[in-house]
């Protein structure tokens, strides 16, 4: 996989009937969820040459502290910030004391 001028080879994991890639980037813990993020792969992982980081999601453990999730493999660290896909979880709603409109960044 190529990202800017760097090339990466990321390990693939399997869960039941699908394969996925877990990764951490230089922004994990500051600009995105600290444990890392996941991209679910369609089809045979051996055929994947390019990952669409727009498909990145936070792992299930981000949504519930009772869910265990494997740590990102050490070799799946990207030394650049990936500002694509789901980057973190925002809990807001009735009774949260937070107004989503206050968190907008588009002006």
PDB file of N, CA and C in Angstrom:
ATOM      1  N   UNK A   1       0.847  -1.168   0.000  1.00  0.00           N
ATOM      2  CA  UNK A   1       0.000   0.000   0.000  1.00  0.00           C
ATOM      3  C   UNK A   1       0.893   1.231   0.000  1.00  0.00           C
ATOM      4  N   UNK A   2       0.563   2.222  -0.780  1.00  0.00           N
ATOM      5  CA  UNK A   2       1.326   3.464  -0.828  1.00  0.00           C
ATOM      6  C   UNK A   2       0.510   4.582  -0.195  1.00  0.00           C
ATOM      7  N   UNK A   3       1.175   5.420   0.557  1.00  0.00           N
ATOM      8  CA  UNK A   3       0.547   6.588   1.172  1.00  0.00           C
ATOM      9  C   UNK A   3       1.527   7.732   1.020  1.00  0.00           C
ATOM     10  N   UNK A   4       1.162   8.722   0.223  1.00  0.00           N
ATOM     11  CA  UNK A   4       2.084   9.797  -0.158  1.00  0.00           C
ATOM     12  C   UNK A   4       3.312   9.149  -0.774  1.00  0.00           C
ATOM     13  N   UNK A   5       4.495   9.418  -0.222  1.00  0.00           N
ATOM     14  CA  UNK A   5       5.708   8.840  -0.789  1.00  0.00           C
ATOM     15  C   UNK A   5       6.157   7.594  -0.035  1.00  0.00           C
ATOM     16  N   UNK A   6       5.388   7.153   0.979  1.00  0.00           N
ATOM     17  CA  UNK A   6       5.762   5.970   1.743  1.00  0.00           C
ATOM     18  C   UNK A   6       4.943   4.761   1.325  1.00  0.00           C
ATOM     19  N   UNK A   7       5.544   3.585   1.439  1.00  0.00           N
ATOM     20  CA  UNK A   7       4.837   2.339   1.139  1.00  0.00           C
ATOM     21  C   UNK A   7       4.702   1.563   2.434  1.00  0.00           C
ATOM     22  N   UNK A   8       3.553   0.911   2.593  1.00  0.00           N
ATOM     23  CA  UNK A   8       3.271   0.157   3.807  1.00  0.00           C
ATOM     24  C   UNK A   8       2.720  -1.212   3.437  1.00  0.00           C
ATOM     25  N   UNK A   9       3.074  -2.198   4.219  1.00  0.00           N
ATOM     26  CA  UNK A   9       2.486  -3.532   4.097  1.00  0.00           C
ATOM     27  C   UNK A   9       1.825  -3.796   5.445  1.00  0.00           C
ATOM     28  N   UNK A  10       0.488  -3.874   5.432  1.00  0.00           N
ATOM     29  CA  UNK A  10      -0.272  -4.019   6.665  1.00  0.00           C
ATOM     30  C   UNK A  10      -0.810  -5.440   6.797  1.00  0.00           C
ATOM     31  N   UNK A  11      -0.772  -5.947   8.022  1.00  0.00           N
ATOM     32  CA  UNK A  11      -1.277  -7.292   8.300  1.00  0.00           C
ATOM     33  C   UNK A  11      -2.801  -7.295   8.255  1.00  0.00           C
ATOM     34  N   UNK A  12      -3.353  -8.380   7.760  1.00  0.00           N
ATOM     35  CA  UNK A  12      -4.800  -8.570   7.656  1.00  0.00           C
ATOM     36  C   UNK A  12      -5.225  -9.560   8.725  1.00  0.00           C
ATOM     37  N   UNK A  13      -6.351  -9.304   9.363  1.00  0.00           N
ATOM     38  CA  UNK A  13      -6.914 -10.227  10.345  1.00  0.00           C
ATOM     39  C   UNK A  13      -8.274 -10.691   9.834  1.00  0.00           C
ATOM     40  N   UNK A  14      -8.769 -11.769  10.403  1.00  0.00           N
ATOM     41  CA  UNK A  14     -10.060 -12.332   9.981  1.00  0.00           C
ATOM     42  C   UNK A  14     -10.975 -12.481  11.183  1.00  0.00           C
ATOM     43  N   UNK A  15     -12.246 -12.226  10.964  1.00  0.00           N
ATOM     44  CA  UNK A  15     -13.248 -12.385  12.008  1.00  0.00           C
ATOM     45  C   UNK A  15     -14.480 -13.003  11.356  1.00  0.00           C
ATOM     46  N   UNK A  16     -14.636 -14.279  11.540  1.00  0.00           N
ATOM     47  CA  UNK A  16     -15.786 -14.935  10.911  1.00  0.00           C
ATOM     48  C   UNK A  16     -15.675 -14.908   9.407  1.00  0.00           C
ATOM     49  N   UNK A  17     -16.638 -14.322   8.752  1.00  0.00           N
ATOM     50  CA  UNK A  17     -16.694 -14.343   7.297  1.00  0.00           C
ATOM     51  C   UNK A  17     -16.070 -13.150   6.610  1.00  0.00           C
ATOM     52  N   UNK A  18     -15.331 -12.314   7.318  1.00  0.00           N
ATOM     53  CA  UNK A  18     -14.733 -11.167   6.638  1.00  0.00           C
ATOM     54  C   UNK A  18     -13.312 -10.906   7.136  1.00  0.00           C
ATOM     55  N   UNK A  19     -12.578 -10.171   6.327  1.00  0.00           N
ATOM     56  CA  UNK A  19     -11.212  -9.786   6.671  1.00  0.00           C
ATOM     57  C   UNK A  19     -11.173  -8.284   6.917  1.00  0.00           C
ATOM     58  N   UNK A  20     -10.227  -7.857   7.737  1.00  0.00           N
ATOM     59  CA  UNK A  20     -10.100  -6.441   8.042  1.00  0.00           C
ATOM     60  C   UNK A  20      -8.652  -6.092   8.356  1.00  0.00           C
ATOM     61  N   UNK A  21      -8.354  -4.814   8.251  1.00  0.00           N
ATOM     62  CA  UNK A  21      -7.039  -4.279   8.584  1.00  0.00           C
ATOM     63  C   UNK A  21      -7.219  -3.297   9.731  1.00  0.00           C
ATOM     64  N   UNK A  22      -6.474  -3.495  10.785  1.00  0.00           N
ATOM     65  CA  UNK A  22      -6.429  -2.521  11.877  1.00  0.00           C
ATOM     66  C   UNK A  22      -5.193  -1.654  11.657  1.00  0.00           C
ATOM     67  N   UNK A  23      -5.300  -0.377  11.968  1.00  0.00           N
ATOM     68  CA  UNK A  23      -4.126   0.486  11.845  1.00  0.00           C
ATOM     69  C   UNK A  23      -4.173   1.600  12.878  1.00  0.00           C
ATOM     70  N   UNK A  24      -3.006   2.061  13.205  1.00  0.00           N
ATOM     71  CA  UNK A  24      -2.830   3.289  13.984  1.00  0.00           C
ATOM     72  C   UNK A  24      -2.038   4.235  13.107  1.00  0.00           C
ATOM     73  N   UNK A  25      -2.302   5.521  13.268  1.00  0.00           N
ATOM     74  CA  UNK A  25      -1.544   6.506  12.506  1.00  0.00           C
ATOM     75  C   UNK A  25      -0.958   7.519  13.472  1.00  0.00           C
ATOM     76  N   UNK A  26      -0.237   8.483  12.948  1.00  0.00           N
ATOM     77  CA  UNK A  26       0.432   9.476  13.791  1.00  0.00           C
ATOM     78  C   UNK A  26      -0.558  10.321  14.591  1.00  0.00           C
ATOM     79  N   UNK A  27      -1.818  10.309  14.205  1.00  0.00           N
ATOM     80  CA  UNK A  27      -2.833  11.076  14.924  1.00  0.00           C
ATOM     81  C   UNK A  27      -3.626  10.260  15.931  1.00  0.00           C
ATOM     82  N   UNK A  28      -3.352   8.959  16.041  1.00  0.00           N
ATOM     83  CA  UNK A  28      -4.090   8.117  16.993  1.00  0.00           C
ATOM     84  C   UNK A  28      -3.853   8.612  18.420  1.00  0.00           C
ATOM     85  N   UNK A  29      -4.941   8.848  19.119  1.00  0.00           N
ATOM     86  CA  UNK A  29      -4.861   9.337  20.490  1.00  0.00           C
ATOM     87  C   UNK A  29      -4.961  10.845  20.603  1.00  0.00           C
ATOM     88  N   UNK A  30      -4.734  11.558  19.503  1.00  0.00           N
ATOM     89  CA  UNK A  30      -4.872  13.009  19.527  1.00  0.00           C
ATOM     90  C   UNK A  30      -5.937  13.481  18.536  1.00  0.00           C
ATOM     91  N   UNK A  31      -5.839  13.024  17.295  1.00  0.00           N
ATOM     92  CA  UNK A  31      -6.816  13.412  16.273  1.00  0.00           C
ATOM     93  C   UNK A  31      -7.812  12.314  15.945  1.00  0.00           C
ATOM     94  N   UNK A  32      -7.549  11.122  16.429  1.00  0.00           N
ATOM     95  CA  UNK A  32      -8.450  10.006  16.177  1.00  0.00           C
ATOM     96  C   UNK A  32      -8.426   9.063  17.373  1.00  0.00           C
ATOM     97  N   UNK A  33      -9.283   8.061  17.343  1.00  0.00           N
ATOM     98  CA  UNK A  33      -9.416   7.129  18.454  1.00  0.00           C
ATOM     99  C   UNK A  33      -8.068   6.486  18.771  1.00  0.00           C
ATOM    100  N   UNK A  34      -7.704   6.465  20.030  1.00  0.00           N
ATOM    101  CA  UNK A  34      -6.366   6.061  20.458  1.00  0.00           C
ATOM    102  C   UNK A  34      -5.978   4.634  20.149  1.00  0.00           C
ATOM    103  N   UNK A  35      -6.919   3.703  20.210  1.00  0.00           N
ATOM    104  CA  UNK A  35      -6.605   2.294  19.961  1.00  0.00           C
ATOM    105  C   UNK A  35      -6.290   2.055  18.490  1.00  0.00           C
ATOM    106  N   UNK A  36      -6.841   2.876  17.625  1.00  0.00           N
ATOM    107  CA  UNK A  36      -6.657   2.715  16.192  1.00  0.00           C
ATOM    108  C   UNK A  36      -7.998   2.606  15.499  1.00  0.00           C
ATOM    109  N   UNK A  37      -7.952   2.275  14.226  1.00  0.00           N
ATOM    110  CA  UNK A  37      -9.172   2.151  13.442  1.00  0.00           C
ATOM    111  C   UNK A  37      -9.104   0.904  12.570  1.00  0.00           C
ATOM    112  N   UNK A  38     -10.216   0.586  11.951  1.00  0.00           N
ATOM    113  CA  UNK A  38     -10.350  -0.650  11.190  1.00  0.00           C
ATOM    114  C   UNK A  38     -10.934  -0.356   9.815  1.00  0.00           C
ATOM    115  N   UNK A  39     -10.457  -1.090   8.815  1.00  0.00           N
ATOM    116  CA  UNK A  39     -11.041  -1.045   7.483  1.00  0.00           C
ATOM    117  C   UNK A  39     -11.434  -2.472   7.127  1.00  0.00           C
ATOM    118  N   UNK A  40     -12.711  -2.675   6.890  1.00  0.00           N
ATOM    119  CA  UNK A  40     -13.203  -3.996   6.477  1.00  0.00           C
ATOM    120  C   UNK A  40     -12.927  -4.184   4.992  1.00  0.00           C
ATOM    121  N   UNK A  41     -12.429  -5.351   4.637  1.00  0.00           N
ATOM    122  CA  UNK A  41     -12.054  -5.625   3.256  1.00  0.00           C
ATOM    123  C   UNK A  41     -13.137  -6.421   2.548  1.00  0.00           C
ATOM    124  N   UNK A  42     -13.404  -6.044   1.322  1.00  0.00           N
ATOM    125  CA  UNK A  42     -14.361  -6.784   0.498  1.00  0.00           C
ATOM    126  C   UNK A  42     -13.568  -7.725  -0.398  1.00  0.00           C
ATOM    127  N   UNK A  43     -14.005  -8.945  -0.503  1.00  0.00           N
ATOM    128  CA  UNK A  43     -13.335  -9.903  -1.381  1.00  0.00           C
ATOM    129  C   UNK A  43     -12.101 -10.508  -0.739  1.00  0.00           C
ATOM    130  N   UNK A  44     -11.221 -11.026  -1.575  1.00  0.00           N
ATOM    131  CA  UNK A  44     -10.015 -11.718  -1.148  1.00  0.00           C
ATOM    132  C   UNK A  44      -8.946 -10.701  -0.738  1.00  0.00           C
ATOM    133  N   UNK A  45      -8.468 -10.757   0.513  1.00  0.00           N
ATOM    134  CA  UNK A  45      -7.445  -9.797   0.955  1.00  0.00           C
ATOM    135  C   UNK A  45      -6.174  -9.841   0.109  1.00  0.00           C
ATOM    136  N   UNK A  46      -5.878 -10.988  -0.492  1.00  0.00           N
ATOM    137  CA  UNK A  46      -4.676 -11.104  -1.321  1.00  0.00           C
ATOM    138  C   UNK A  46      -4.759 -10.214  -2.563  1.00  0.00           C
ATOM    139  N   UNK A  47      -5.968  -9.822  -2.950  1.00  0.00           N
ATOM    140  CA  UNK A  47      -6.154  -8.988  -4.132  1.00  0.00           C
ATOM    141  C   UNK A  47      -6.137  -7.487  -3.821  1.00  0.00           C
ATOM    142  N   UNK A  48      -6.059  -7.121  -2.558  1.00  0.00           N
ATOM    143  CA  UNK A  48      -6.128  -5.703  -2.169  1.00  0.00           C
ATOM    144  C   UNK A  48      -4.745  -5.067  -2.274  1.00  0.00           C
ATOM    145  N   UNK A  49      -4.646  -4.037  -3.084  1.00  0.00           N
ATOM    146  CA  UNK A  49      -3.404  -3.283  -3.219  1.00  0.00           C
ATOM    147  C   UNK A  49      -3.548  -1.866  -2.681  1.00  0.00           C
ATOM    148  N   UNK A  50      -4.788  -1.368  -2.666  1.00  0.00           N
ATOM    149  CA  UNK A  50      -5.045  -0.006  -2.224  1.00  0.00           C
ATOM    150  C   UNK A  50      -6.161  -0.034  -1.184  1.00  0.00           C
ATOM    151  N   UNK A  51      -5.946   0.632  -0.067  1.00  0.00           N
ATOM    152  CA  UNK A  51      -6.984   0.747   0.958  1.00  0.00           C
ATOM    153  C   UNK A  51      -7.679   2.092   0.829  1.00  0.00           C
ATOM    154  N   UNK A  52      -8.980   2.093   0.980  1.00  0.00           N
ATOM    155  CA  UNK A  52      -9.749   3.329   0.973  1.00  0.00           C
ATOM    156  C   UNK A  52      -9.927   3.766   2.422  1.00  0.00           C
ATOM    157  N   UNK A  53      -9.117   4.707   2.858  1.00  0.00           N
ATOM    158  CA  UNK A  53      -9.168   5.155   4.244  1.00  0.00           C
ATOM    159  C   UNK A  53     -10.461   5.890   4.571  1.00  0.00           C
ATOM    160  N   UNK A  54     -11.239   6.253   3.553  1.00  0.00           N
ATOM    161  CA  UNK A  54     -12.560   6.825   3.802  1.00  0.00           C
ATOM    162  C   UNK A  54     -13.474   5.789   4.458  1.00  0.00           C
ATOM    163  N   UNK A  55     -13.137   4.510   4.329  1.00  0.00           N
ATOM    164  CA  UNK A  55     -13.925   3.420   4.902  1.00  0.00           C
ATOM    165  C   UNK A  55     -13.491   3.074   6.331  1.00  0.00           C
ATOM    166  N   UNK A  56     -12.512   3.775   6.873  1.00  0.00           N
ATOM    167  CA  UNK A  56     -12.022   3.485   8.223  1.00  0.00           C
ATOM    168  C   UNK A  56     -13.106   3.776   9.261  1.00  0.00           C
ATOM    169  N   UNK A  57     -13.221   2.883  10.229  1.00  0.00           N
ATOM    170  CA  UNK A  57     -14.172   3.061  11.328  1.00  0.00           C
ATOM    171  C   UNK A  57     -13.459   2.806  12.656  1.00  0.00           C
ATOM    172  N   UNK A  58     -14.022   3.329  13.721  1.00  0.00           N
ATOM    173  CA  UNK A  58     -13.479   3.016  15.039  1.00  0.00           C
ATOM    174  C   UNK A  58     -13.927   1.603  15.409  1.00  0.00           C
ATOM    175  N   UNK A  59     -13.129   0.887  16.196  1.00  0.00           N
ATOM    176  CA  UNK A  59     -13.507  -0.481  16.563  1.00  0.00           C
ATOM    177  C   UNK A  59     -14.663  -0.487  17.557  1.00  0.00           C
ATOM    178  N   UNK A  60     -15.325  -1.627  17.703  1.00  0.00           N
ATOM    179  CA  UNK A  60     -16.472  -1.719  18.610  1.00  0.00           C
ATOM    180  C   UNK A  60     -16.159  -1.322  20.052  1.00  0.00           C
ATOM    181  N   UNK A  61     -14.926  -1.500  20.490  1.00  0.00           N
ATOM    182  CA  UNK A  61     -14.581  -1.154  21.872  1.00  0.00           C
ATOM    183  C   UNK A  61     -14.698   0.351  22.126  1.00  0.00           C
ATOM    184  N   UNK A  62     -14.725   1.156  21.065  1.00  0.00           N
ATOM    185  CA  UNK A  62     -14.914   2.604  21.226  1.00  0.00           C
ATOM    186  C   UNK A  62     -16.328   2.930  21.671  1.00  0.00           C
ATOM    187  N   UNK A  63     -17.243   2.017  21.400  1.00  0.00           N
ATOM    188  CA  UNK A  63     -18.653   2.254  21.695  1.00  0.00           C
ATOM    189  C   UNK A  63     -19.101   1.679  23.030  1.00  0.00           C
ATOM    190  N   UNK A  64     -18.334   0.727  23.560  1.00  0.00           N
ATOM    191  CA  UNK A  64     -18.745   0.046  24.779  1.00  0.00           C
ATOM    192  C   UNK A  64     -17.505  -0.467  25.485  1.00  0.00           C
ATOM    193  N   UNK A  65     -17.289  -0.042  26.718  1.00  0.00           N
ATOM    194  CA  UNK A  65     -16.097  -0.436  27.466  1.00  0.00           C
ATOM    195  C   UNK A  65     -16.112  -1.910  27.858  1.00  0.00           C
ATOM    196  N   UNK A  66     -17.230  -2.600  27.666  1.00  0.00           N
ATOM    197  CA  UNK A  66     -17.312  -4.029  27.986  1.00  0.00           C
ATOM    198  C   UNK A  66     -16.855  -4.915  26.822  1.00  0.00           C
ATOM    199  N   UNK A  67     -16.561  -4.311  25.676  1.00  0.00           N
ATOM    200  CA  UNK A  67     -16.123  -5.064  24.505  1.00  0.00           C
ATOM    201  C   UNK A  67     -14.603  -5.078  24.451  1.00  0.00           C
ATOM    202  N   UNK A  68     -14.036  -6.270  24.348  1.00  0.00           N
ATOM    203  CA  UNK A  68     -12.595  -6.417  24.156  1.00  0.00           C
ATOM    204  C   UNK A  68     -12.310  -6.463  22.662  1.00  0.00           C
ATOM    205  N   UNK A  69     -11.185  -5.903  22.279  1.00  0.00           N
ATOM    206  CA  UNK A  69     -10.815  -5.884  20.875  1.00  0.00           C
ATOM    207  C   UNK A  69      -9.309  -6.047  20.799  1.00  0.00           C
ATOM    208  N   UNK A  70      -8.796  -6.803  19.851  1.00  0.00           N
ATOM    209  CA  UNK A  70      -7.340  -7.003  19.785  1.00  0.00           C
ATOM    210  C   UNK A  70      -6.612  -5.696  19.495  1.00  0.00           C
ATOM    211  N   UNK A  71      -5.427  -5.586  20.041  1.00  0.00           N
ATOM    212  CA  UNK A  71      -4.609  -4.406  19.784  1.00  0.00           C
ATOM    213  C   UNK A  71      -4.129  -4.408  18.343  1.00  0.00           C
ATOM    214  N   UNK A  72      -3.863  -3.230  17.836  1.00  0.00           N
ATOM    215  CA  UNK A  72      -3.343  -3.087  16.483  1.00  0.00           C
ATOM    216  C   UNK A  72      -1.972  -3.741  16.405  1.00  0.00           C
ATOM    217  N   UNK A  73      -1.733  -4.576  15.395  1.00  0.00           N
ATOM    218  CA  UNK A  73      -0.408  -5.185  15.252  1.00  0.00           C
ATOM    219  C   UNK A  73       0.678  -4.105  15.147  1.00  0.00           C
ATOM    220  N   UNK A  74       1.832  -4.332  15.770  1.00  0.00           N
ATOM    221  CA  UNK A  74       2.903  -3.317  15.749  1.00  0.00           C
ATOM    222  C   UNK A  74       3.299  -2.876  14.344  1.00  0.00           C
ATOM    223  N   UNK A  75       3.227  -3.762  13.373  1.00  0.00           N
ATOM    224  CA  UNK A  75       3.611  -3.412  12.006  1.00  0.00           C
ATOM    225  C   UNK A  75       2.567  -2.601  11.263  1.00  0.00           C
ATOM    226  N   UNK A  76       1.391  -2.414  11.865  1.00  0.00           N
ATOM    227  CA  UNK A  76       0.316  -1.665  11.216  1.00  0.00           C
ATOM    228  C   UNK A  76       0.264  -0.226  11.724  1.00  0.00           C
ATOM    229  N   UNK A  77       1.429   0.362  11.897  1.00  0.00           N
ATOM    230  CA  UNK A  77       1.531   1.758  12.324  1.00  0.00           C
ATOM    231  C   UNK A  77       1.948   2.602  11.127  1.00  0.00           C
ATOM    232  N   UNK A  78       1.223   3.679  10.899  1.00  0.00           N
ATOM    233  CA  UNK A  78       1.492   4.588   9.785  1.00  0.00           C
ATOM    234  C   UNK A  78       2.043   5.878  10.371  1.00  0.00           C
ATOM    235  N   UNK A  79       3.190   6.321   9.877  1.00  0.00           N
ATOM    236  CA  UNK A  79       3.867   7.479  10.474  1.00  0.00           C
ATOM    237  C   UNK A  79       3.349   8.826   9.980  1.00  0.00           C
ATOM    238  N   UNK A  80       2.195   8.820   9.347  1.00  0.00           N
ATOM    239  CA  UNK A  80       1.521  10.051   8.915  1.00  0.00           C
ATOM    240  C   UNK A  80       0.123  10.071   9.520  1.00  0.00           C
ATOM    241  N   UNK A  81      -0.457  11.260   9.610  1.00  0.00           N
ATOM    242  CA  UNK A  81      -1.824  11.374  10.108  1.00  0.00           C
ATOM    243  C   UNK A  81      -2.788  11.071   8.965  1.00  0.00           C
ATOM    244  N   UNK A  82      -3.709  10.152   9.212  1.00  0.00           N
ATOM    245  CA  UNK A  82      -4.732   9.797   8.224  1.00  0.00           C
ATOM    246  C   UNK A  82      -6.012  10.521   8.634  1.00  0.00           C
ATOM    247  N   UNK A  83      -6.365  11.559   7.914  1.00  0.00           N
ATOM    248  CA  UNK A  83      -7.543  12.374   8.235  1.00  0.00           C
ATOM    249  C   UNK A  83      -8.729  11.970   7.368  1.00  0.00           C
ATOM    250  N   UNK A  84      -8.984  10.689   7.293  1.00  0.00           N
ATOM    251  CA  UNK A  84     -10.093  10.152   6.500  1.00  0.00           C
ATOM    252  C   UNK A  84     -10.871   9.169   7.342  1.00  0.00           C
ATOM    253  N   UNK A  85     -12.101   8.929   6.943  1.00  0.00           N
ATOM    254  CA  UNK A  85     -12.925   7.947   7.632  1.00  0.00           C
ATOM    255  C   UNK A  85     -13.419   8.444   8.980  1.00  0.00           C
ATOM    256  N   UNK A  86     -14.021   7.532   9.720  1.00  0.00           N
ATOM    257  CA  UNK A  86     -14.489   7.845  11.068  1.00  0.00           C
ATOM    258  C   UNK A  86     -13.261   7.957  11.958  1.00  0.00           C
ATOM    259  N   UNK A  87     -13.124   9.065  12.652  1.00  0.00           N
ATOM    260  CA  UNK A  87     -11.912   9.289  13.424  1.00  0.00           C
ATOM    261  C   UNK A  87     -12.109   9.110  14.918  1.00  0.00           C
ATOM    262  N   UNK A  88     -13.302   9.293  15.401  1.00  0.00           N
ATOM    263  CA  UNK A  88     -13.559   9.131  16.832  1.00  0.00           C
ATOM    264  C   UNK A  88     -15.052   8.992  17.036  1.00  0.00           C
ATOM    265  N   UNK A  89     -15.440   8.794  18.267  1.00  0.00           N
ATOM    266  CA  UNK A  89     -16.851   8.642  18.611  1.00  0.00           C
ATOM    267  C   UNK A  89     -17.284   9.890  19.370  1.00  0.00           C
ATOM    268  N   UNK A  90     -18.409  10.427  18.978  1.00  0.00           N
ATOM    269  CA  UNK A  90     -18.973  11.579  19.664  1.00  0.00           C
ATOM    270  C   UNK A  90     -20.266  11.138  20.319  1.00  0.00           C
ATOM    271  N   UNK A  91     -20.269  11.135  21.633  1.00  0.00           N
ATOM    272  CA  UNK A  91     -21.481  10.790  22.360  1.00  0.00           C
ATOM    273  C   UNK A  91     -22.197  12.078  22.715  1.00  0.00           C
ATOM    274  N   UNK A  92     -23.348  12.264  22.163  1.00  0.00           N
ATOM    275  CA  UNK A  92     -24.145  13.443  22.460  1.00  0.00           C
ATOM    276  C   UNK A  92     -25.604  13.086  22.254  1.00  0.00           C
ATOM    277  N   UNK A  93     -26.427  13.831  22.849  1.00  0.00           N
ATOM    278  CA  UNK A  93     -27.846  13.590  22.707  1.00  0.00           C
ATOM    279  C   UNK A  93     -28.566  14.095  23.929  1.00  0.00           C
ATOM    280  N   UNK A  94     -29.804  13.719  24.079  1.00  0.00           N
ATOM    281  CA  UNK A  94     -30.580  14.182  25.217  1.00  0.00           C
ATOM    282  C   UNK A  94     -29.885  13.848  26.540  1.00  0.00           C
ATOM    283  N   UNK A  95     -29.723  14.854  27.351  1.00  0.00           N
ATOM    284  CA  UNK A  95     -29.123  14.650  28.666  1.00  0.00           C
ATOM    285  C   UNK A  95     -27.614  14.649  28.678  1.00  0.00           C
ATOM    286  N   UNK A  96     -26.957  14.796  27.512  1.00  0.00           N
ATOM    287  CA  UNK A  96     -25.496  14.745  27.493  1.00  0.00           C
ATOM    288  C   UNK A  96     -24.883  16.087  27.880  1.00  0.00           C
ATOM    289  N   UNK A  97     -25.668  17.162  27.793  1.00  0.00           N
ATOM    290  CA  UNK A  97     -25.129  18.486  28.096  1.00  0.00           C
ATOM    291  C   UNK A  97     -24.309  19.058  26.958  1.00  0.00           C
ATOM    292  N   UNK A  98     -24.317  18.414  25.808  1.00  0.00           N
ATOM    293  CA  UNK A  98     -23.528  18.888  24.686  1.00  0.00           C
ATOM    294  C   UNK A  98     -24.433  19.123  23.483  1.00  0.00           C
ATOM    295  N   UNK A  99     -24.228  20.236  22.813  1.00  0.00           N
ATOM    296  CA  UNK A  99     -24.980  20.556  21.625  1.00  0.00           C
ATOM    297  C   UNK A  99     -24.102  20.264  20.411  1.00  0.00           C
ATOM    298  N   UNK A 100     -24.534  19.397  19.536  1.00  0.00           N
ATOM    299  CA  UNK A 100     -23.729  19.040  18.370  1.00  0.00           C
ATOM    300  C   UNK A 100     -23.374  20.242  17.519  1.00  0.00           C
ATOM    301  N   UNK A 101     -24.220  21.233  17.459  1.00  0.00           N
ATOM    302  CA  UNK A 101     -23.945  22.423  16.643  1.00  0.00           C
ATOM    303  C   UNK A 101     -22.687  23.135  17.148  1.00  0.00           C
ATOM    304  N   UNK A 102     -22.372  23.021  18.435  1.00  0.00           N
ATOM    305  CA  UNK A 102     -21.179  23.666  18.981  1.00  0.00           C
ATOM    306  C   UNK A 102     -19.897  22.996  18.508  1.00  0.00           C
ATOM    307  N   UNK A 103     -19.979  21.769  17.980  1.00  0.00           N
ATOM    308  CA  UNK A 103     -18.800  21.012  17.589  1.00  0.00           C
ATOM    309  C   UNK A 103     -18.513  21.129  16.092  1.00  0.00           C
ATOM    310  N   UNK A 104     -19.331  21.853  15.352  1.00  0.00           N
ATOM    311  CA  UNK A 104     -19.126  21.988  13.915  1.00  0.00           C
ATOM    312  C   UNK A 104     -17.833  22.704  13.629  1.00  0.00           C
ATOM    313  N   UNK A 105     -17.137  22.267  12.586  1.00  0.00           N
ATOM    314  CA  UNK A 105     -15.874  22.896  12.221  1.00  0.00           C
ATOM    315  C   UNK A 105     -15.930  23.558  10.857  1.00  0.00           C
ATOM    316  N   UNK A 106     -17.111  23.536  10.224  1.00  0.00           N
ATOM    317  CA  UNK A 106     -17.185  24.096   8.882  1.00  0.00           C
ATOM    318  C   UNK A 106     -17.647  25.552   8.849  1.00  0.00           C
ATOM    319  N   UNK A 107     -17.617  26.184   9.990  1.00  0.00           N
ATOM    320  CA  UNK A 107     -17.925  27.608  10.019  1.00  0.00           C
ATOM    321  C   UNK A 107     -19.211  27.851  10.632  1.00  0.00           C
TER     322      UNK A 107
END
